[in-house]
Amino acid sequence: MKLRSYLAAEKLSPAEFGKQVGAPGMAVRYWIRGFRTPRRDMMERIRQVTEGQVCPQDFFSTEEGAA
């Protein structure tokens, strides 16, 4: 699942999600838009916080349904 879809499903803002993973809201916005890719350790934190719904490979796939 893409991070954008996860945030929508959970009704979280980028700033709220950033607090959960320990990142600035602006960084989360960059990840959502594909301007930046989270560091490896942050990808693992995102996977943990989302209980596996958003995985590292989700940042590299181009389609919502791709895994």
N, C-alpha and C. Protein backbone atom coordinates (compact mmCIF):
# COMPACT_ATOMS: atom_id res chain seq x y z
N MET A 1 0.85 -1.17 0.00
CA MET A 1 0.00 0.00 0.00
C MET A 1 0.90 1.24 0.00
N LYS A 2 0.55 2.19 -0.82
CA LYS A 2 1.30 3.45 -0.85
C LYS A 2 1.02 4.24 0.43
N LEU A 3 1.99 5.04 0.82
CA LEU A 3 1.86 5.85 2.02
C LEU A 3 0.66 6.79 1.92
N ARG A 4 0.46 7.38 0.77
CA ARG A 4 -0.69 8.29 0.57
C ARG A 4 -2.01 7.57 0.89
N SER A 5 -2.16 6.34 0.41
CA SER A 5 -3.38 5.57 0.66
C SER A 5 -3.52 5.22 2.13
N TYR A 6 -2.41 4.89 2.76
CA TYR A 6 -2.44 4.57 4.19
C TYR A 6 -2.91 5.78 5.00
N LEU A 7 -2.35 6.94 4.72
CA LEU A 7 -2.73 8.15 5.46
C LEU A 7 -4.20 8.47 5.26
N ALA A 8 -4.69 8.30 4.03
CA ALA A 8 -6.11 8.56 3.75
C ALA A 8 -7.00 7.57 4.52
N ALA A 9 -6.62 6.30 4.49
CA ALA A 9 -7.42 5.28 5.16
C ALA A 9 -7.46 5.49 6.67
N GLU A 10 -6.34 5.94 7.22
CA GLU A 10 -6.25 6.16 8.67
C GLU A 10 -6.65 7.58 9.08
N LYS A 11 -6.97 8.41 8.07
CA LYS A 11 -7.35 9.81 8.32
C LYS A 11 -6.26 10.56 9.10
N LEU A 12 -5.02 10.38 8.63
CA LEU A 12 -3.87 11.04 9.25
C LEU A 12 -3.31 12.10 8.31
N SER A 13 -2.88 13.20 8.87
CA SER A 13 -2.17 14.21 8.08
C SER A 13 -0.70 13.81 8.01
N PRO A 14 0.05 14.36 7.06
CA PRO A 14 1.48 14.09 7.03
C PRO A 14 2.17 14.49 8.33
N ALA A 15 1.73 15.59 8.95
CA ALA A 15 2.33 16.03 10.21
C ALA A 15 2.06 15.02 11.33
N GLU A 16 0.84 14.51 11.39
CA GLU A 16 0.49 13.52 12.43
C GLU A 16 1.29 12.23 12.24
N PHE A 17 1.39 11.79 10.98
CA PHE A 17 2.15 10.57 10.72
C PHE A 17 3.63 10.80 11.01
N GLY A 18 4.12 11.98 10.67
CA GLY A 18 5.52 12.31 10.96
C GLY A 18 5.83 12.18 12.44
N LYS A 19 4.92 12.62 13.29
CA LYS A 19 5.13 12.49 14.73
C LYS A 19 5.22 11.02 15.14
N GLN A 20 4.41 10.19 14.51
CA GLN A 20 4.42 8.76 14.84
C GLN A 20 5.74 8.09 14.48
N VAL A 21 6.34 8.51 13.37
CA VAL A 21 7.58 7.86 12.92
C VAL A 21 8.83 8.65 13.28
N GLY A 22 8.66 9.86 13.82
CA GLY A 22 9.81 10.66 14.20
C GLY A 22 10.44 11.42 13.05
N ALA A 23 9.59 11.93 12.16
CA ALA A 23 10.07 12.68 10.99
C ALA A 23 9.24 13.96 10.85
N PRO A 24 9.82 15.00 10.26
CA PRO A 24 9.04 16.22 10.02
C PRO A 24 7.91 15.96 9.02
N GLY A 25 6.82 16.68 9.18
CA GLY A 25 5.69 16.55 8.26
C GLY A 25 6.10 16.84 6.82
N MET A 26 7.03 17.77 6.62
CA MET A 26 7.48 18.10 5.27
C MET A 26 8.17 16.89 4.63
N ALA A 27 8.93 16.13 5.41
CA ALA A 27 9.57 14.93 4.87
C ALA A 27 8.51 13.93 4.40
N VAL A 28 7.46 13.77 5.19
CA VAL A 28 6.38 12.85 4.83
C VAL A 28 5.73 13.31 3.52
N ARG A 29 5.52 14.61 3.38
CA ARG A 29 4.95 15.14 2.12
C ARG A 29 5.85 14.82 0.94
N TYR A 30 7.15 14.97 1.12
CA TYR A 30 8.10 14.64 0.05
C TYR A 30 8.04 13.17 -0.31
N TRP A 31 7.92 12.30 0.68
CA TRP A 31 7.83 10.86 0.41
C TRP A 31 6.56 10.55 -0.38
N ILE A 32 5.44 11.16 0.03
CA ILE A 32 4.16 10.92 -0.64
C ILE A 32 4.24 11.32 -2.10
N ARG A 33 4.85 12.45 -2.37
CA ARG A 33 4.91 12.98 -3.74
C ARG A 33 6.03 12.35 -4.57
N GLY A 34 6.88 11.56 -3.95
CA GLY A 34 7.97 10.92 -4.67
C GLY A 34 9.18 11.81 -4.90
N PHE A 35 9.22 12.96 -4.19
CA PHE A 35 10.37 13.85 -4.32
C PHE A 35 11.59 13.30 -3.59
N ARG A 36 11.34 12.53 -2.55
CA ARG A 36 12.40 11.93 -1.75
C ARG A 36 12.00 10.51 -1.38
N THR A 37 12.99 9.71 -1.02
CA THR A 37 12.76 8.36 -0.53
C THR A 37 13.28 8.29 0.90
N PRO A 38 12.52 7.71 1.81
CA PRO A 38 13.00 7.61 3.19
C PRO A 38 14.28 6.78 3.28
N ARG A 39 15.09 7.10 4.27
CA ARG A 39 16.29 6.29 4.54
C ARG A 39 15.84 4.87 4.93
N ARG A 40 16.76 3.95 4.83
CA ARG A 40 16.46 2.54 5.12
C ARG A 40 15.90 2.37 6.54
N ASP A 41 16.50 3.03 7.52
CA ASP A 41 16.02 2.90 8.90
C ASP A 41 14.62 3.49 9.05
N MET A 42 14.34 4.56 8.33
CA MET A 42 13.02 5.17 8.40
C MET A 42 11.99 4.29 7.70
N MET A 43 12.37 3.64 6.61
CA MET A 43 11.45 2.71 5.95
C MET A 43 11.04 1.60 6.91
N GLU A 44 11.99 1.12 7.70
CA GLU A 44 11.69 0.08 8.67
C GLU A 44 10.75 0.61 9.75
N ARG A 45 10.97 1.83 10.19
CA ARG A 45 10.09 2.46 11.18
C ARG A 45 8.67 2.62 10.61
N ILE A 46 8.57 3.04 9.36
CA ILE A 46 7.27 3.19 8.71
C ILE A 46 6.56 1.83 8.64
N ARG A 47 7.31 0.79 8.29
CA ARG A 47 6.73 -0.55 8.23
C ARG A 47 6.19 -0.96 9.61
N GLN A 48 6.95 -0.67 10.65
CA GLN A 48 6.52 -1.02 12.01
C GLN A 48 5.27 -0.25 12.43
N VAL A 49 5.28 1.06 12.21
CA VAL A 49 4.16 1.90 12.63
C VAL A 49 2.88 1.54 11.86
N THR A 50 3.03 1.19 10.59
CA THR A 50 1.85 0.85 9.77
C THR A 50 1.50 -0.64 9.87
N GLU A 51 2.19 -1.35 10.74
CA GLU A 51 1.98 -2.79 10.92
C GLU A 51 2.08 -3.55 9.61
N GLY A 52 3.07 -3.15 8.80
CA GLY A 52 3.35 -3.85 7.55
C GLY A 52 2.49 -3.44 6.37
N GLN A 53 1.59 -2.50 6.57
CA GLN A 53 0.73 -2.08 5.46
C GLN A 53 1.49 -1.24 4.43
N VAL A 54 2.52 -0.53 4.88
CA VAL A 54 3.40 0.22 3.97
C VAL A 54 4.79 -0.38 4.15
N CYS A 55 5.31 -0.98 3.09
CA CYS A 55 6.61 -1.66 3.13
C CYS A 55 7.63 -0.89 2.28
N PRO A 56 8.92 -1.16 2.50
CA PRO A 56 9.94 -0.46 1.71
C PRO A 56 9.72 -0.53 0.21
N GLN A 57 9.30 -1.67 -0.32
CA GLN A 57 9.11 -1.79 -1.77
C GLN A 57 8.00 -0.87 -2.28
N ASP A 58 7.10 -0.46 -1.40
CA ASP A 58 6.02 0.44 -1.82
C ASP A 58 6.53 1.81 -2.24
N PHE A 59 7.72 2.17 -1.80
CA PHE A 59 8.29 3.45 -2.19
C PHE A 59 8.93 3.39 -3.58
N PHE A 60 9.09 2.18 -4.10
CA PHE A 60 9.75 2.02 -5.39
C PHE A 60 8.82 1.55 -6.49
N SER A 61 7.63 1.07 -6.14
CA SER A 61 6.67 0.66 -7.16
C SER A 61 5.96 1.88 -7.70
N THR A 62 5.56 1.83 -8.98
CA THR A 62 4.95 2.98 -9.63
C THR A 62 3.44 2.96 -9.61
N GLU A 63 2.85 1.83 -9.37
CA GLU A 63 1.39 1.71 -9.38
C GLU A 63 0.90 1.40 -7.99
N GLU A 64 -0.30 1.88 -7.68
CA GLU A 64 -0.89 1.64 -6.37
C GLU A 64 -1.03 0.16 -6.07
N GLY A 65 -1.41 -0.63 -7.03
CA GLY A 65 -1.62 -2.05 -6.81
C GLY A 65 -0.35 -2.87 -6.84
N ALA A 66 0.75 -2.31 -7.29
CA ALA A 66 2.01 -3.05 -7.38
C ALA A 66 2.62 -3.21 -6.01
N ALA A 67 3.28 -4.33 -5.81
CA ALA A 67 3.92 -4.55 -4.50
C ALA A 67 5.37 -4.86 -4.65
